[in-house]
Amino acid sequence: MPKPADTTRSAATRQIRPPPLSQHLREFASRPDAWVVLARNMIPVVGICAFGWSVAISMFNYWFDGLTAVAAIVAAMIPSALRETQTKQDHPTLAGNIVRGVFVWLLLVGVVGLPYWIVLIPLHDLLLGNELRCQLAQSPVLWFTFGSLAASHFWKAFRMGYDTMPDKELKQRCAGISIS
């Protein structure tokens, strides 16, 4: 007669079958943004298979993609922050607002993006090595790819309306953000 501990162990080792492909396709059809996420995450795979990208380029892609997403979201929130913190007595000028906005943006990207900066410590040789620099310097396709990633992050962040969103909704959105 098996012991109760043995039955729980056998139940825990039983594998759960993954859902069928048709279920994944139905879910993708119901969420058009999922296709964009899939396409963005396929960039390194296509880069390695079709363009001969190295591990360094692929890792840089993931690092750069995440950091530019954070930078874009912070940039989209800066105009709202500037409007809310200025008083009537400040008499802000356009140049003053630009300088304050850039300073706050750099500060916040440095702080909020800290996990991306910390990753550079163990991956220093891979993400900042000569191999990556040479590949980036020699390939206009890479410049176009990374420029497109950054531009799409900024476009999406500003399109989402972070600068006009009420605080409560903004906190909910930022708490549930999935940077893709």
Protein backbone atom coordinates (compact mmCIF):
# COMPACT_ATOMS: atom_id res chain seq x y z
CA MET A 1 0.00 0.00 0.00
CA PRO A 2 1.55 3.37 -1.06
CA LYS A 3 2.17 6.01 1.51
CA PRO A 4 0.39 9.39 1.20
CA ALA A 5 3.72 11.11 0.48
CA ASP A 6 4.30 8.80 -2.50
CA THR A 7 0.94 9.68 -4.10
CA THR A 8 1.60 13.40 -3.83
CA ARG A 9 5.03 12.97 -5.36
CA SER A 10 3.63 10.99 -8.31
CA ALA A 11 0.93 13.62 -8.86
CA ALA A 12 3.54 16.37 -8.80
CA THR A 13 5.72 14.66 -11.40
CA ARG A 14 2.85 14.19 -13.83
CA GLN A 15 3.37 16.53 -16.78
CA ILE A 16 0.72 18.91 -17.95
CA ARG A 17 0.28 18.90 -21.69
CA PRO A 18 0.73 22.26 -23.42
CA PRO A 19 -2.32 23.71 -25.14
CA PRO A 20 -2.76 22.90 -28.82
CA LEU A 21 -1.48 25.28 -31.49
CA SER A 22 -5.06 26.17 -32.47
CA GLN A 23 -5.66 27.62 -28.99
CA HIS A 24 -2.55 29.78 -29.28
CA LEU A 25 -3.69 31.03 -32.68
CA ARG A 26 -7.19 31.86 -31.34
CA GLU A 27 -5.62 33.85 -28.52
CA PHE A 28 -3.35 35.66 -30.98
CA ALA A 29 -6.36 36.45 -33.17
CA SER A 30 -8.21 37.96 -30.22
CA ARG A 31 -5.25 40.19 -29.31
CA PRO A 32 -3.68 41.94 -32.33
CA ASP A 33 -0.95 43.47 -30.13
CA ALA A 34 0.30 39.95 -29.41
CA TRP A 35 1.50 39.70 -33.02
CA VAL A 36 3.57 42.85 -32.55
CA VAL A 37 5.11 41.39 -29.39
CA LEU A 38 5.88 38.14 -31.20
CA ALA A 39 7.43 40.01 -34.14
CA ARG A 40 9.58 42.16 -31.85
CA ASN A 41 10.84 39.11 -29.99
CA MET A 42 11.60 37.33 -33.25
CA ILE A 43 14.06 40.06 -34.31
CA PRO A 44 17.10 38.38 -32.68
CA VAL A 45 16.06 34.97 -34.03
CA VAL A 46 15.78 36.33 -37.56
CA GLY A 47 18.99 38.29 -37.05
CA ILE A 48 20.90 35.15 -36.06
CA CYS A 49 19.40 32.91 -38.76
CA ALA A 50 19.21 35.33 -41.69
CA PHE A 51 21.90 37.92 -41.04
CA GLY A 52 24.46 35.95 -39.04
CA TRP A 53 24.20 38.04 -35.88
CA SER A 54 26.44 37.03 -33.01
CA VAL A 55 25.46 36.36 -29.41
CA ALA A 56 26.71 39.86 -28.56
CA ILE A 57 24.32 41.48 -31.06
CA SER A 58 21.40 39.38 -29.81
CA MET A 59 22.07 40.23 -26.16
CA PHE A 60 22.53 43.89 -27.06
CA ASN A 61 19.16 43.79 -28.85
CA TYR A 62 17.34 42.61 -25.73
CA TRP A 63 19.19 45.10 -23.51
CA PHE A 64 18.64 48.03 -25.87
CA ASP A 65 14.98 47.12 -26.43
CA GLY A 66 14.23 47.15 -22.70
CA LEU A 67 16.18 50.30 -21.95
CA THR A 68 14.59 52.28 -24.81
CA ALA A 69 11.14 51.13 -23.67
CA VAL A 70 11.82 52.52 -20.19
CA ALA A 71 13.26 55.73 -21.68
CA ALA A 72 10.20 56.17 -23.91
CA ILE A 73 7.70 55.70 -21.09
CA VAL A 74 9.59 58.16 -18.89
CA ALA A 75 9.79 60.66 -21.77
CA ALA A 76 6.05 60.43 -22.33
CA MET A 77 5.39 61.16 -18.66
CA ILE A 78 7.72 64.19 -18.39
CA PRO A 79 5.38 66.83 -19.95
CA SER A 80 2.64 65.95 -17.46
CA ALA A 81 5.09 66.08 -14.55
CA LEU A 82 6.34 69.50 -15.65
CA ARG A 83 2.79 70.86 -15.94
CA GLU A 84 1.78 69.54 -12.53
CA THR A 85 4.84 70.84 -10.67
CA GLN A 86 4.91 74.38 -12.04
CA THR A 87 3.16 77.18 -10.22
CA LYS A 88 1.84 80.42 -11.66
CA GLN A 89 4.69 82.28 -9.96
CA ASP A 90 7.39 80.29 -11.80
CA HIS A 91 6.83 82.01 -15.19
CA PRO A 92 8.32 79.05 -17.07
CA THR A 93 9.92 79.68 -20.44
CA LEU A 94 10.10 77.17 -23.27
CA ALA A 95 13.89 76.89 -22.93
CA GLY A 96 13.59 76.42 -19.16
CA ASN A 97 10.98 73.69 -19.63
CA ILE A 98 13.17 71.90 -22.16
CA VAL A 99 16.23 72.03 -19.89
CA ARG A 100 14.22 70.85 -16.86
CA GLY A 101 12.53 68.12 -18.93
CA VAL A 102 15.81 66.76 -20.30
CA PHE A 103 17.45 66.85 -16.87
CA VAL A 104 14.53 65.05 -15.19
CA TRP A 105 14.33 62.54 -18.05
CA LEU A 106 18.04 61.69 -17.78
CA LEU A 107 17.78 61.39 -14.01
CA LEU A 108 14.72 59.13 -14.17
CA VAL A 109 16.12 56.94 -16.95
CA GLY A 110 19.23 56.53 -14.83
CA VAL A 111 17.24 55.56 -11.74
CA VAL A 112 14.28 53.67 -13.23
CA GLY A 113 16.56 51.99 -15.75
CA LEU A 114 18.97 50.87 -13.03
CA PRO A 115 18.35 47.16 -13.69
CA TYR A 116 19.51 47.70 -17.28
CA TRP A 117 22.66 49.45 -16.09
CA ILE A 118 23.37 46.72 -13.53
CA VAL A 119 23.23 44.08 -16.28
CA LEU A 120 26.26 45.73 -17.83
CA ILE A 121 28.40 44.58 -14.89
CA PRO A 122 28.33 40.81 -15.55
CA LEU A 123 27.84 41.19 -19.30
CA HIS A 124 30.43 43.95 -19.77
CA ASP A 125 32.64 42.03 -22.20
CA LEU A 126 29.65 40.85 -24.23
CA LEU A 127 27.63 44.09 -24.41
CA LEU A 128 30.52 46.55 -24.54
CA GLY A 129 33.16 44.45 -26.27
CA ASN A 130 35.06 45.06 -29.48
CA GLU A 131 33.06 42.41 -31.36
CA LEU A 132 29.81 44.31 -30.82
CA ARG A 133 31.36 47.68 -31.67
CA CYS A 134 32.80 46.32 -34.91
CA GLN A 135 29.52 44.74 -35.96
CA LEU A 136 27.55 47.90 -35.18
CA ALA A 137 30.06 50.08 -37.02
CA GLN A 138 29.97 47.93 -40.16
CA SER A 139 26.23 47.33 -40.54
CA PRO A 140 23.69 49.99 -41.51
CA VAL A 141 20.99 47.29 -41.19
CA LEU A 142 21.73 47.05 -37.46
CA TRP A 143 21.50 50.82 -37.08
CA PHE A 144 18.14 50.76 -38.88
CA THR A 145 16.91 47.86 -36.73
CA PHE A 146 17.84 49.46 -33.41
CA GLY A 147 16.61 52.87 -34.56
CA SER A 148 13.28 51.32 -35.52
CA LEU A 149 13.00 49.65 -32.12
CA ALA A 150 13.63 52.92 -30.31
CA ALA A 151 11.27 54.90 -32.55
CA SER A 152 8.48 52.36 -32.10
CA HIS A 153 8.86 52.48 -28.31
CA PHE A 154 8.62 56.28 -28.29
CA TRP A 155 5.68 56.27 -30.72
CA LYS A 156 3.79 53.73 -28.62
CA ALA A 157 4.54 55.50 -25.32
CA PHE A 158 3.27 58.84 -26.61
CA ARG A 159 0.29 57.21 -28.34
CA MET A 160 -0.74 55.58 -25.05
CA GLY A 161 -1.26 59.08 -23.62
CA TYR A 162 0.90 58.82 -20.51
CA ASP A 163 1.17 62.61 -20.42
CA THR A 164 -2.61 63.14 -20.08
CA MET A 165 -3.56 60.06 -18.05
CA PRO A 166 -5.02 60.56 -14.55
CA ASP A 167 -2.70 59.50 -11.71
CA LYS A 168 -4.81 56.53 -10.65
CA GLU A 169 -4.93 55.04 -14.15
CA LEU A 170 -1.25 55.83 -14.72
CA LYS A 171 -0.28 53.92 -11.58
CA GLN A 172 -2.40 50.95 -12.69
CA ARG A 173 -0.88 50.97 -16.18
CA CYS A 174 2.68 51.29 -14.93
CA ALA A 175 2.18 48.55 -12.33
CA GLY A 176 0.99 46.16 -15.03
CA ILE A 177 3.37 47.21 -17.79
CA SER A 178 4.74 44.44 -19.91
CA ILE A 179 7.70 45.85 -21.84
CA SER A 180 7.89 43.95 -24.98
